[in-house]
Amino acid sequence: MSAPIAKSRTSLTHRLQSPHGRFGDLAILAFVLVQGLDGAMTYLGLHIWGFGIEANPLVSTTVSMAGIGGGLALTKLFAIALGMILHLGRVHGIIALLVGYYVAIAIVPWAFLFLTLA
């Protein structure tokens, strides 16, 4: 086996077995919490205002096919699984950006709706 290939295999093994670090752990924890919060707020919003309030076509389609609880559980578990893949791949900056994105496009709008319309 040539040296570059052996080195890349050793590097990959080390990356997969080494600790992810505090930033990575906090990023994935925040991601899971934001997913849970978005799921809870979506659940309440769908019960209060109906299916038309959901802006994400993937979520609305899944909810219409599997019901509110099942559809939200599927979409949130899928999102968390994708986040875990990023975490295991040590792409923590992307996870942190996704946390900010979800806060901006999901949590803040839901909070605004609950505070102004409910």
PDB file of N, CA and C in Angstrom:
ATOM      1  N   MET A   1       0.860  -1.169   0.000  1.00  0.00           N
ATOM      2  CA  MET A   1       0.000   0.000   0.000  1.00  0.00           C
ATOM      3  C   MET A   1       0.904   1.228   0.000  1.00  0.00           C
ATOM      4  N   SER A   2       0.547   2.199  -0.819  1.00  0.00           N
ATOM      5  CA  SER A   2       1.379   3.398  -0.904  1.00  0.00           C
ATOM      6  C   SER A   2       1.180   4.268   0.333  1.00  0.00           C
ATOM      7  N   ALA A   3       2.159   5.126   0.582  1.00  0.00           N
ATOM      8  CA  ALA A   3       2.149   5.965   1.788  1.00  0.00           C
ATOM      9  C   ALA A   3       0.957   6.915   1.850  1.00  0.00           C
ATOM     10  N   PRO A   4       0.580   7.607   0.729  1.00  0.00           N
ATOM     11  CA  PRO A   4      -0.573   8.518   0.829  1.00  0.00           C
ATOM     12  C   PRO A   4      -1.874   7.801   1.171  1.00  0.00           C
ATOM     13  N   ILE A   5      -2.062   6.596   0.611  1.00  0.00           N
ATOM     14  CA  ILE A   5      -3.299   5.857   0.896  1.00  0.00           C
ATOM     15  C   ILE A   5      -3.302   5.402   2.354  1.00  0.00           C
ATOM     16  N   ALA A   6      -2.184   4.890   2.823  1.00  0.00           N
ATOM     17  CA  ALA A   6      -2.096   4.462   4.217  1.00  0.00           C
ATOM     18  C   ALA A   6      -2.322   5.636   5.155  1.00  0.00           C
ATOM     19  N   LYS A   7      -1.749   6.775   4.816  1.00  0.00           N
ATOM     20  CA  LYS A   7      -1.927   7.967   5.658  1.00  0.00           C
ATOM     21  C   LYS A   7      -3.378   8.416   5.666  1.00  0.00           C
ATOM     22  N   SER A   8      -4.045   8.381   4.501  1.00  0.00           N
ATOM     23  CA  SER A   8      -5.442   8.821   4.455  1.00  0.00           C
ATOM     24  C   SER A   8      -6.332   7.862   5.244  1.00  0.00           C
ATOM     25  N   ARG A   9      -6.036   6.557   5.193  1.00  0.00           N
ATOM     26  CA  ARG A   9      -6.819   5.602   5.981  1.00  0.00           C
ATOM     27  C   ARG A   9      -6.597   5.826   7.466  1.00  0.00           C
ATOM     28  N   THR A  10      -5.364   6.063   7.857  1.00  0.00           N
ATOM     29  CA  THR A  10      -5.061   6.338   9.258  1.00  0.00           C
ATOM     30  C   THR A  10      -5.752   7.619   9.700  1.00  0.00           C
ATOM     31  N   SER A  11      -5.725   8.631   8.847  1.00  0.00           N
ATOM     32  CA  SER A  11      -6.368   9.902   9.166  1.00  0.00           C
ATOM     33  C   SER A  11      -7.871   9.721   9.330  1.00  0.00           C
ATOM     34  N   LEU A  12      -8.496   8.962   8.427  1.00  0.00           N
ATOM     35  CA  LEU A  12      -9.935   8.728   8.507  1.00  0.00           C
ATOM     36  C   LEU A  12     -10.278   7.953   9.779  1.00  0.00           C
ATOM     37  N   THR A  13      -9.504   6.920  10.079  1.00  0.00           N
ATOM     38  CA  THR A  13      -9.737   6.147  11.295  1.00  0.00           C
ATOM     39  C   THR A  13      -9.602   7.039  12.525  1.00  0.00           C
ATOM     40  N   HIS A  14      -8.593   7.871  12.538  1.00  0.00           N
ATOM     41  CA  HIS A  14      -8.393   8.783  13.665  1.00  0.00           C
ATOM     42  C   HIS A  14      -9.559   9.760  13.787  1.00  0.00           C
ATOM     43  N   ARG A  15     -10.027  10.307  12.657  1.00  0.00           N
ATOM     44  CA  ARG A  15     -11.148  11.251  12.690  1.00  0.00           C
ATOM     45  C   ARG A  15     -12.402  10.603  13.231  1.00  0.00           C
ATOM     46  N   LEU A  16     -12.645   9.350  12.857  1.00  0.00           N
ATOM     47  CA  LEU A  16     -13.869   8.685  13.288  1.00  0.00           C
ATOM     48  C   LEU A  16     -13.807   8.239  14.743  1.00  0.00           C
ATOM     49  N   GLN A  17     -12.600   7.985  15.253  1.00  0.00           N
ATOM     50  CA  GLN A  17     -12.470   7.502  16.615  1.00  0.00           C
ATOM     51  C   GLN A  17     -12.150   8.597  17.624  1.00  0.00           C
ATOM     52  N   SER A  18     -11.687   9.738  17.173  1.00  0.00           N
ATOM     53  CA  SER A  18     -11.288  10.787  18.100  1.00  0.00           C
ATOM     54  C   SER A  18     -12.512  11.536  18.618  1.00  0.00           C
ATOM     55  N   PRO A  19     -12.383  12.175  19.768  1.00  0.00           N
ATOM     56  CA  PRO A  19     -13.501  12.960  20.291  1.00  0.00           C
ATOM     57  C   PRO A  19     -13.845  14.111  19.345  1.00  0.00           C
ATOM     58  N   HIS A  20     -15.073  14.502  19.343  1.00  0.00           N
ATOM     59  CA  HIS A  20     -15.526  15.543  18.426  1.00  0.00           C
ATOM     60  C   HIS A  20     -15.254  16.940  18.951  1.00  0.00           C
ATOM     61  N   GLY A  21     -14.937  17.065  20.194  1.00  0.00           N
ATOM     62  CA  GLY A  21     -14.650  18.377  20.751  1.00  0.00           C
ATOM     63  C   GLY A  21     -15.900  19.047  21.281  1.00  0.00           C
ATOM     64  N   ARG A  22     -15.677  20.025  22.114  1.00  0.00           N
ATOM     65  CA  ARG A  22     -16.778  20.722  22.777  1.00  0.00           C
ATOM     66  C   ARG A  22     -17.664  21.466  21.788  1.00  0.00           C
ATOM     67  N   PHE A  23     -17.061  22.169  20.804  1.00  0.00           N
ATOM     68  CA  PHE A  23     -17.855  22.913  19.829  1.00  0.00           C
ATOM     69  C   PHE A  23     -18.790  21.981  19.063  1.00  0.00           C
ATOM     70  N   GLY A  24     -18.259  20.854  18.606  1.00  0.00           N
ATOM     71  CA  GLY A  24     -19.080  19.906  17.857  1.00  0.00           C
ATOM     72  C   GLY A  24     -20.206  19.333  18.695  1.00  0.00           C
ATOM     73  N   ASP A  25     -19.900  19.011  19.943  1.00  0.00           N
ATOM     74  CA  ASP A  25     -20.930  18.471  20.828  1.00  0.00           C
ATOM     75  C   ASP A  25     -22.019  19.508  21.104  1.00  0.00           C
ATOM     76  N   LEU A  26     -21.614  20.743  21.325  1.00  0.00           N
ATOM     77  CA  LEU A  26     -22.600  21.809  21.549  1.00  0.00           C
ATOM     78  C   LEU A  26     -23.414  22.094  20.297  1.00  0.00           C
ATOM     79  N   ALA A  27     -22.763  22.031  19.140  1.00  0.00           N
ATOM     80  CA  ALA A  27     -23.469  22.283  17.883  1.00  0.00           C
ATOM     81  C   ALA A  27     -24.545  21.233  17.644  1.00  0.00           C
ATOM     82  N   ILE A  28     -24.215  19.955  17.822  1.00  0.00           N
ATOM     83  CA  ILE A  28     -25.217  18.916  17.570  1.00  0.00           C
ATOM     84  C   ILE A  28     -26.300  18.933  18.641  1.00  0.00           C
ATOM     85  N   LEU A  29     -25.940  19.243  19.874  1.00  0.00           N
ATOM     86  CA  LEU A  29     -26.939  19.366  20.932  1.00  0.00           C
ATOM     87  C   LEU A  29     -27.912  20.503  20.617  1.00  0.00           C
ATOM     88  N   ALA A  30     -27.381  21.651  20.206  1.00  0.00           N
ATOM     89  CA  ALA A  30     -28.243  22.776  19.828  1.00  0.00           C
ATOM     90  C   ALA A  30     -29.120  22.413  18.640  1.00  0.00           C
ATOM     91  N   PHE A  31     -28.563  21.677  17.680  1.00  0.00           N
ATOM     92  CA  PHE A  31     -29.332  21.261  16.509  1.00  0.00           C
ATOM     93  C   PHE A  31     -30.506  20.372  16.908  1.00  0.00           C
ATOM     94  N   VAL A  32     -30.250  19.404  17.768  1.00  0.00           N
ATOM     95  CA  VAL A  32     -31.318  18.501  18.222  1.00  0.00           C
ATOM     96  C   VAL A  32     -32.368  19.281  19.010  1.00  0.00           C
ATOM     97  N   LEU A  33     -31.940  20.191  19.872  1.00  0.00           N
ATOM     98  CA  LEU A  33     -32.893  21.000  20.644  1.00  0.00           C
ATOM     99  C   LEU A  33     -33.747  21.884  19.741  1.00  0.00           C
ATOM    100  N   VAL A  34     -33.127  22.499  18.753  1.00  0.00           N
ATOM    101  CA  VAL A  34     -33.870  23.363  17.829  1.00  0.00           C
ATOM    102  C   VAL A  34     -34.854  22.530  17.006  1.00  0.00           C
ATOM    103  N   GLN A  35     -34.447  21.336  16.600  1.00  0.00           N
ATOM    104  CA  GLN A  35     -35.369  20.459  15.866  1.00  0.00           C
ATOM    105  C   GLN A  35     -36.568  20.099  16.741  1.00  0.00           C
ATOM    106  N   GLY A  36     -36.309  19.775  18.000  1.00  0.00           N
ATOM    107  CA  GLY A  36     -37.397  19.451  18.913  1.00  0.00           C
ATOM    108  C   GLY A  36     -38.325  20.633  19.148  1.00  0.00           C
ATOM    109  N   LEU A  37     -37.738  21.806  19.329  1.00  0.00           N
ATOM    110  CA  LEU A  37     -38.541  23.015  19.534  1.00  0.00           C
ATOM    111  C   LEU A  37     -39.370  23.341  18.296  1.00  0.00           C
ATOM    112  N   ASP A  38     -38.758  23.217  17.131  1.00  0.00           N
ATOM    113  CA  ASP A  38     -39.497  23.451  15.890  1.00  0.00           C
ATOM    114  C   ASP A  38     -40.624  22.436  15.738  1.00  0.00           C
ATOM    115  N   GLY A  39     -40.355  21.190  16.063  1.00  0.00           N
ATOM    116  CA  GLY A  39     -41.403  20.169  15.989  1.00  0.00           C
ATOM    117  C   GLY A  39     -42.569  20.464  16.919  1.00  0.00           C
ATOM    118  N   ALA A  40     -42.258  20.876  18.146  1.00  0.00           N
ATOM    119  CA  ALA A  40     -43.317  21.193  19.115  1.00  0.00           C
ATOM    120  C   ALA A  40     -44.123  22.410  18.664  1.00  0.00           C
ATOM    121  N   MET A  41     -43.422  23.430  18.183  1.00  0.00           N
ATOM    122  CA  MET A  41     -44.128  24.641  17.735  1.00  0.00           C
ATOM    123  C   MET A  41     -44.963  24.354  16.483  1.00  0.00           C
ATOM    124  N   THR A  42     -44.437  23.533  15.595  1.00  0.00           N
ATOM    125  CA  THR A  42     -45.198  23.159  14.400  1.00  0.00           C
ATOM    126  C   THR A  42     -46.438  22.371  14.792  1.00  0.00           C
ATOM    127  N   TYR A  43     -46.288  21.455  15.716  1.00  0.00           N
ATOM    128  CA  TYR A  43     -47.412  20.658  16.197  1.00  0.00           C
ATOM    129  C   TYR A  43     -48.518  21.559  16.743  1.00  0.00           C
ATOM    130  N   LEU A  44     -48.136  22.493  17.598  1.00  0.00           N
ATOM    131  CA  LEU A  44     -49.131  23.426  18.148  1.00  0.00           C
ATOM    132  C   LEU A  44     -49.741  24.305  17.064  1.00  0.00           C
ATOM    133  N   GLY A  45     -48.899  24.800  16.184  1.00  0.00           N
ATOM    134  CA  GLY A  45     -49.388  25.663  15.108  1.00  0.00           C
ATOM    135  C   GLY A  45     -50.367  24.955  14.192  1.00  0.00           C
ATOM    136  N   LEU A  46     -50.082  23.698  13.862  1.00  0.00           N
ATOM    137  CA  LEU A  46     -50.996  22.940  13.007  1.00  0.00           C
ATOM    138  C   LEU A  46     -52.316  22.680  13.704  1.00  0.00           C
ATOM    139  N   HIS A  47     -52.278  22.458  15.001  1.00  0.00           N
ATOM    140  CA  HIS A  47     -53.524  22.252  15.741  1.00  0.00           C
ATOM    141  C   HIS A  47     -54.330  23.547  15.868  1.00  0.00           C
ATOM    142  N   ILE A  48     -53.649  24.669  16.004  1.00  0.00           N
ATOM    143  CA  ILE A  48     -54.355  25.944  16.165  1.00  0.00           C
ATOM    144  C   ILE A  48     -54.885  26.460  14.835  1.00  0.00           C
ATOM    145  N   TRP A  49     -54.027  26.494  13.796  1.00  0.00           N
ATOM    146  CA  TRP A  49     -54.378  27.164  12.546  1.00  0.00           C
ATOM    147  C   TRP A  49     -54.598  26.228  11.360  1.00  0.00           C
ATOM    148  N   GLY A  50     -54.379  24.955  11.521  1.00  0.00           N
ATOM    149  CA  GLY A  50     -54.608  24.007  10.439  1.00  0.00           C
ATOM    150  C   GLY A  50     -53.372  23.780   9.579  1.00  0.00           C
ATOM    151  N   PHE A  51     -53.527  22.852   8.628  1.00  0.00           N
ATOM    152  CA  PHE A  51     -52.396  22.439   7.791  1.00  0.00           C
ATOM    153  C   PHE A  51     -51.868  23.539   6.890  1.00  0.00           C
ATOM    154  N   GLY A  52     -52.686  24.500   6.546  1.00  0.00           N
ATOM    155  CA  GLY A  52     -52.273  25.565   5.640  1.00  0.00           C
ATOM    156  C   GLY A  52     -51.190  26.468   6.201  1.00  0.00           C
ATOM    157  N   ILE A  53     -50.961  26.433   7.493  1.00  0.00           N
ATOM    158  CA  ILE A  53     -49.969  27.316   8.116  1.00  0.00           C
ATOM    159  C   ILE A  53     -48.537  26.831   7.861  1.00  0.00           C
ATOM    160  N   GLU A  54     -48.350  25.535   7.571  1.00  0.00           N
ATOM    161  CA  GLU A  54     -47.000  24.993   7.370  1.00  0.00           C
ATOM    162  C   GLU A  54     -46.453  25.399   6.001  1.00  0.00           C
ATOM    163  N   ALA A  55     -45.301  26.061   6.019  1.00  0.00           N
ATOM    164  CA  ALA A  55     -44.695  26.587   4.789  1.00  0.00           C
ATOM    165  C   ALA A  55     -43.773  25.588   4.104  1.00  0.00           C
ATOM    166  N   ASN A  56     -43.260  24.598   4.827  1.00  0.00           N
ATOM    167  CA  ASN A  56     -42.330  23.638   4.250  1.00  0.00           C
ATOM    168  C   ASN A  56     -43.117  22.543   3.526  1.00  0.00           C
ATOM    169  N   PRO A  57     -42.963  22.444   2.197  1.00  0.00           N
ATOM    170  CA  PRO A  57     -43.746  21.442   1.464  1.00  0.00           C
ATOM    171  C   PRO A  57     -43.403  20.002   1.843  1.00  0.00           C
ATOM    172  N   LEU A  58     -42.171  19.741   2.244  1.00  0.00           N
ATOM    173  CA  LEU A  58     -41.815  18.381   2.669  1.00  0.00           C
ATOM    174  C   LEU A  58     -42.535  18.004   3.953  1.00  0.00           C
ATOM    175  N   VAL A  59     -42.594  18.951   4.884  1.00  0.00           N
ATOM    176  CA  VAL A  59     -43.286  18.694   6.150  1.00  0.00           C
ATOM    177  C   VAL A  59     -44.784  18.582   5.910  1.00  0.00           C
ATOM    178  N   SER A  60     -45.359  19.496   5.144  1.00  0.00           N
ATOM    179  CA  SER A  60     -46.808  19.456   4.930  1.00  0.00           C
ATOM    180  C   SER A  60     -47.238  18.185   4.194  1.00  0.00           C
ATOM    181  N   THR A  61     -46.439  17.719   3.243  1.00  0.00           N
ATOM    182  CA  THR A  61     -46.759  16.481   2.534  1.00  0.00           C
ATOM    183  C   THR A  61     -46.675  15.287   3.474  1.00  0.00           C
ATOM    184  N   THR A  62     -45.623  15.221   4.270  1.00  0.00           N
ATOM    185  CA  THR A  62     -45.458  14.106   5.206  1.00  0.00           C
ATOM    186  C   THR A  62     -46.566  14.110   6.248  1.00  0.00           C
ATOM    187  N   VAL A  63     -46.925  15.283   6.731  1.00  0.00           N
ATOM    188  CA  VAL A  63     -48.000  15.390   7.726  1.00  0.00           C
ATOM    189  C   VAL A  63     -49.337  14.984   7.111  1.00  0.00           C
ATOM    190  N   SER A  64     -49.583  15.366   5.867  1.00  0.00           N
ATOM    191  CA  SER A  64     -50.851  14.993   5.240  1.00  0.00           C
ATOM    192  C   SER A  64     -50.931  13.485   5.003  1.00  0.00           C
ATOM    193  N   MET A  65     -49.783  12.837   4.827  1.00  0.00           N
ATOM    194  CA  MET A  65     -49.776  11.388   4.583  1.00  0.00           C
ATOM    195  C   MET A  65     -49.747  10.581   5.877  1.00  0.00           C
ATOM    196  N   ALA A  66     -49.041  11.054   6.903  1.00  0.00           N
ATOM    197  CA  ALA A  66     -48.831  10.251   8.115  1.00  0.00           C
ATOM    198  C   ALA A  66     -49.516  10.834   9.344  1.00  0.00           C
ATOM    199  N   GLY A  67     -50.218  11.947   9.213  1.00  0.00           N
ATOM    200  CA  GLY A  67     -50.831  12.590  10.363  1.00  0.00           C
ATOM    201  C   GLY A  67     -49.856  13.562  11.013  1.00  0.00           C
ATOM    202  N   ILE A  68     -50.392  14.408  11.887  1.00  0.00           N
ATOM    203  CA  ILE A  68     -49.554  15.451  12.483  1.00  0.00           C
ATOM    204  C   ILE A  68     -48.427  14.846  13.311  1.00  0.00           C
ATOM    205  N   GLY A  69     -48.743  13.985  14.247  1.00  0.00           N
ATOM    206  CA  GLY A  69     -47.709  13.416  15.111  1.00  0.00           C
ATOM    207  C   GLY A  69     -46.707  12.572  14.345  1.00  0.00           C
ATOM    208  N   GLY A  70     -47.203  11.652  13.543  1.00  0.00           N
ATOM    209  CA  GLY A  70     -46.321  10.766  12.786  1.00  0.00           C
ATOM    210  C   GLY A  70     -45.498  11.501  11.747  1.00  0.00           C
ATOM    211  N   GLY A  71     -46.142  12.424  11.042  1.00  0.00           N
ATOM    212  CA  GLY A  71     -45.436  13.184  10.013  1.00  0.00           C
ATOM    213  C   GLY A  71     -44.334  14.057  10.581  1.00  0.00           C
ATOM    214  N   LEU A  72     -44.637  14.728  11.690  1.00  0.00           N
ATOM    215  CA  LEU A  72     -43.609  15.569  12.319  1.00  0.00           C
ATOM    216  C   LEU A  72     -42.495  14.723  12.911  1.00  0.00           C
ATOM    217  N   ALA A  73     -42.850  13.593  13.496  1.00  0.00           N
ATOM    218  CA  ALA A  73     -41.816  12.709  14.047  1.00  0.00           C
ATOM    219  C   ALA A  73     -40.887  12.221  12.939  1.00  0.00           C
ATOM    220  N   LEU A  74     -41.460  11.820  11.803  1.00  0.00           N
ATOM    221  CA  LEU A  74     -40.634  11.361  10.682  1.00  0.00           C
ATOM    222  C   LEU A  74     -39.710  12.456  10.172  1.00  0.00           C
ATOM    223  N   THR A  75     -40.260  13.647   9.951  1.00  0.00           N
ATOM    224  CA  THR A  75     -39.420  14.715   9.386  1.00  0.00           C
ATOM    225  C   THR A  75     -38.353  15.172  10.368  1.00  0.00           C
ATOM    226  N   LYS A  76     -38.679  15.264  11.633  1.00  0.00           N
ATOM    227  CA  LYS A  76     -37.692  15.712  12.620  1.00  0.00           C
ATOM    228  C   LYS A  76     -36.630  14.644  12.870  1.00  0.00           C
ATOM    229  N   LEU A  77     -37.023  13.387  12.935  1.00  0.00           N
ATOM    230  CA  LEU A  77     -36.037  12.323  13.096  1.00  0.00           C
ATOM    231  C   LEU A  77     -35.117  12.224  11.883  1.00  0.00           C
ATOM    232  N   PHE A  78     -35.666  12.450  10.695  1.00  0.00           N
ATOM    233  CA  PHE A  78     -34.846  12.453   9.483  1.00  0.00           C
ATOM    234  C   PHE A  78     -33.846  13.602   9.524  1.00  0.00           C
ATOM    235  N   ALA A  79     -34.306  14.786   9.924  1.00  0.00           N
ATOM    236  CA  ALA A  79     -33.405  15.941  10.027  1.00  0.00           C
ATOM    237  C   ALA A  79     -32.314  15.687  11.061  1.00  0.00           C
ATOM    238  N   ILE A  80     -32.678  15.110  12.194  1.00  0.00           N
ATOM    239  CA  ILE A  80     -31.688  14.810  13.236  1.00  0.00           C
ATOM    240  C   ILE A  80     -30.692  13.769  12.737  1.00  0.00           C
ATOM    241  N   ALA A  81     -31.167  12.769  11.994  1.00  0.00           N
ATOM    242  CA  ALA A  81     -30.262  11.762  11.434  1.00  0.00           C
ATOM    243  C   ALA A  81     -29.262  12.407  10.472  1.00  0.00           C
ATOM    244  N   LEU A  82     -29.729  13.325   9.638  1.00  0.00           N
ATOM    245  CA  LEU A  82     -28.811  14.023   8.733  1.00  0.00           C
ATOM    246  C   LEU A  82     -27.819  14.878   9.523  1.00  0.00           C
ATOM    247  N   GLY A  83     -28.295  15.516  10.597  1.00  0.00           N
ATOM    248  CA  GLY A  83     -27.399  16.283  11.450  1.00  0.00           C
ATOM    249  C   GLY A  83     -26.346  15.402  12.097  1.00  0.00           C
ATOM    250  N   MET A  84     -26.738  14.198  12.494  1.00  0.00           N
ATOM    251  CA  MET A  84     -25.776  13.263  13.090  1.00  0.00           C
ATOM    252  C   MET A  84     -24.731  12.820  12.073  1.00  0.00           C
ATOM    253  N   ILE A  85     -25.139  12.661  10.825  1.00  0.00           N
ATOM    254  CA  ILE A  85     -24.172  12.321   9.777  1.00  0.00           C
ATOM    255  C   ILE A  85     -23.144  13.443   9.649  1.00  0.00           C
ATOM    256  N   LEU A  86     -23.608  14.687   9.675  1.00  0.00           N
ATOM    257  CA  LEU A  86     -22.678  15.817   9.631  1.00  0.00           C
ATOM    258  C   LEU A  86     -21.772  15.817  10.864  1.00  0.00           C
ATOM    259  N   HIS A  87     -22.338  15.520  12.023  1.00  0.00           N
ATOM    260  CA  HIS A  87     -21.562  15.486  13.266  1.00  0.00           C
ATOM    261  C   HIS A  87     -20.474  14.416  13.197  1.00  0.00           C
ATOM    262  N   LEU A  88     -20.838  13.236  12.735  1.00  0.00           N
ATOM    263  CA  LEU A  88     -19.855  12.162  12.622  1.00  0.00           C
ATOM    264  C   LEU A  88     -18.794  12.478  11.571  1.00  0.00           C
ATOM    265  N   GLY A  89     -19.184  13.265  10.580  1.00  0.00           N
ATOM    266  CA  GLY A  89     -18.227  13.715   9.575  1.00  0.00           C
ATOM    267  C   GLY A  89     -17.438  14.936  10.008  1.00  0.00           C
ATOM    268  N   ARG A  90     -17.695  15.377  11.233  1.00  0.00           N
ATOM    269  CA  ARG A  90     -16.996  16.515  11.852  1.00  0.00           C
ATOM    270  C   ARG A  90     -17.177  17.812  11.046  1.00  0.00           C
ATOM    271  N   VAL A  91     -18.376  18.030  10.566  1.00  0.00           N
ATOM    272  CA  VAL A  91     -18.697  19.245   9.822  1.00  0.00           C
ATOM    273  C   VAL A  91     -19.524  20.142  10.739  1.00  0.00           C
ATOM    274  N   HIS A  92     -18.916  20.527  11.842  1.00  0.00           N
ATOM    275  CA  HIS A  92     -19.651  21.215  12.901  1.00  0.00           C
ATOM    276  C   HIS A  92     -20.002  22.648  12.557  1.00  0.00           C
ATOM    277  N   GLY A  93     -19.223  23.287  11.703  1.00  0.00           N
ATOM    278  CA  GLY A  93     -19.560  24.641  11.282  1.00  0.00           C
ATOM    279  C   GLY A  93     -20.884  24.673  10.531  1.00  0.00           C
ATOM    280  N   ILE A  94     -21.110  23.670   9.687  1.00  0.00           N
ATOM    281  CA  ILE A  94     -22.378  23.578   8.950  1.00  0.00           C
ATOM    282  C   ILE A  94     -23.528  23.346   9.928  1.00  0.00           C
ATOM    283  N   ILE A  95     -23.319  22.501  10.918  1.00  0.00           N
ATOM    284  CA  ILE A  95     -24.370  22.250  11.912  1.00  0.00           C
ATOM    285  C   ILE A  95     -24.709  23.541  12.644  1.00  0.00           C
ATOM    286  N   ALA A  96     -23.698  24.304  13.029  1.00  0.00           N
ATOM    287  CA  ALA A  96     -23.941  25.574  13.727  1.00  0.00           C
ATOM    288  C   ALA A  96     -24.700  26.544  12.825  1.00  0.00           C
ATOM    289  N   LEU A  97     -24.356  26.579  11.538  1.00  0.00           N
ATOM    290  CA  LEU A  97     -25.096  27.435  10.598  1.00  0.00           C
ATOM    291  C   LEU A  97     -26.546  26.975  10.469  1.00  0.00           C
ATOM    292  N   LEU A  98     -26.771  25.672  10.457  1.00  0.00           N
ATOM    293  CA  LEU A  98     -28.133  25.151  10.384  1.00  0.00           C
ATOM    294  C   LEU A  98     -28.947  25.514  11.620  1.00  0.00           C
ATOM    295  N   VAL A  99     -28.306  25.533  12.770  1.00  0.00           N
ATOM    296  CA  VAL A  99     -28.997  25.954  13.998  1.00  0.00           C
ATOM    297  C   VAL A  99     -29.476  27.390  13.834  1.00  0.00           C
ATOM    298  N   GLY A 100     -28.585  28.266  13.386  1.00  0.00           N
ATOM    299  CA  GLY A 100     -28.968  29.666  13.162  1.00  0.00           C
ATOM    300  C   GLY A 100     -30.063  29.793  12.115  1.00  0.00           C
ATOM    301  N   TYR A 101     -29.963  28.997  11.067  1.00  0.00           N
ATOM    302  CA  TYR A 101     -30.964  29.017   9.996  1.00  0.00           C
ATOM    303  C   TYR A 101     -32.332  28.606  10.530  1.00  0.00           C
ATOM    304  N   TYR A 102     -32.378  27.513  11.288  1.00  0.00           N
ATOM    305  CA  TYR A 102     -33.651  27.065  11.848  1.00  0.00           C
ATOM    306  C   TYR A 102     -34.232  28.067  12.836  1.00  0.00           C
ATOM    307  N   VAL A 103     -33.387  28.689  13.622  1.00  0.00           N
ATOM    308  CA  VAL A 103     -33.887  29.711  14.544  1.00  0.00           C
ATOM    309  C   VAL A 103     -34.507  30.850  13.745  1.00  0.00           C
ATOM    310  N   ALA A 104     -33.817  31.268  12.686  1.00  0.00           N
ATOM    311  CA  ALA A 104     -34.288  32.413  11.896  1.00  0.00           C
ATOM    312  C   ALA A 104     -35.539  32.106  11.078  1.00  0.00           C
ATOM    313  N   ILE A 105     -35.611  30.915  10.463  1.00  0.00           N
ATOM    314  CA  ILE A 105     -36.735  30.659   9.561  1.00  0.00           C
ATOM    315  C   ILE A 105     -37.852  29.810  10.165  1.00  0.00           C
ATOM    316  N   ALA A 106     -37.628  29.275  11.356  1.00  0.00           N
ATOM    317  CA  ALA A 106     -38.669  28.442  11.962  1.00  0.00           C
ATOM    318  C   ALA A 106     -39.056  28.929  13.349  1.00  0.00           C
ATOM    319  N   ILE A 107     -38.105  29.041  14.244  1.00  0.00           N
ATOM    320  CA  ILE A 107     -38.430  29.378  15.633  1.00  0.00           C
ATOM    321  C   ILE A 107     -38.952  30.795  15.762  1.00  0.00           C
ATOM    322  N   VAL A 108     -38.256  31.756  15.179  1.00  0.00           N
ATOM    323  CA  VAL A 108     -38.688  33.162  15.276  1.00  0.00           C
ATOM    324  C   VAL A 108     -40.066  33.370  14.628  1.00  0.00           C
ATOM    325  N   PRO A 109     -40.311  32.856  13.411  1.00  0.00           N
ATOM    326  CA  PRO A 109     -41.663  33.034  12.847  1.00  0.00           C
ATOM    327  C   PRO A 109     -42.761  32.372  13.675  1.00  0.00           C
ATOM    328  N   TRP A 110     -42.522  31.161  14.177  1.00  0.00           N
ATOM    329  CA  TRP A 110     -43.529  30.514  15.023  1.00  0.00           C
ATOM    330  C   TRP A 110     -43.766  31.346  16.285  1.00  0.00           C
ATOM    331  N   ALA A 111     -42.696  31.800  16.913  1.00  0.00           N
ATOM    332  CA  ALA A 111     -42.837  32.613  18.128  1.00  0.00           C
ATOM    333  C   ALA A 111     -43.643  33.872  17.828  1.00  0.00           C
ATOM    334  N   PHE A 112     -43.360  34.511  16.703  1.00  0.00           N
ATOM    335  CA  PHE A 112     -44.104  35.711  16.309  1.00  0.00           C
ATOM    336  C   PHE A 112     -45.598  35.393  16.157  1.00  0.00           C
ATOM    337  N   LEU A 113     -45.907  34.292  15.475  1.00  0.00           N
ATOM    338  CA  LEU A 113     -47.314  33.902  15.287  1.00  0.00           C
ATOM    339  C   LEU A 113     -47.993  33.622  16.633  1.00  0.00           C
ATOM    340  N   PHE A 114     -47.323  32.892  17.506  1.00  0.00           N
ATOM    341  CA  PHE A 114     -47.921  32.578  18.805  1.00  0.00           C
ATOM    342  C   PHE A 114     -48.132  33.838  19.652  1.00  0.00           C
ATOM    343  N   LEU A 115     -47.199  34.768  19.569  1.00  0.00           N
ATOM    344  CA  LEU A 115     -47.315  35.979  20.385  1.00  0.00           C
ATOM    345  C   LEU A 115     -48.330  36.971  19.827  1.00  0.00           C
ATOM    346  N   THR A 116     -48.546  36.962  18.517  1.00  0.00           N
ATOM    347  CA  THR A 116     -49.440  37.954  17.922  1.00  0.00           C
ATOM    348  C   THR A 116     -50.839  37.434  17.608  1.00  0.00           C
ATOM    349  N   LEU A 117     -50.951  36.128  17.299  1.00  0.00           N
ATOM    350  CA  LEU A 117     -52.244  35.608  16.845  1.00  0.00           C
ATOM    351  C   LEU A 117     -52.944  34.692  17.844  1.00  0.00           C
ATOM    352  N   ALA A 118     -52.210  34.041  18.702  1.00  0.00           N
ATOM    353  CA  ALA A 118     -52.833  33.067  19.598  1.00  0.00           C
ATOM    354  C   ALA A 118     -53.460  33.742  20.807  1.00  0.00           C
TER     355      ALA A 118
END
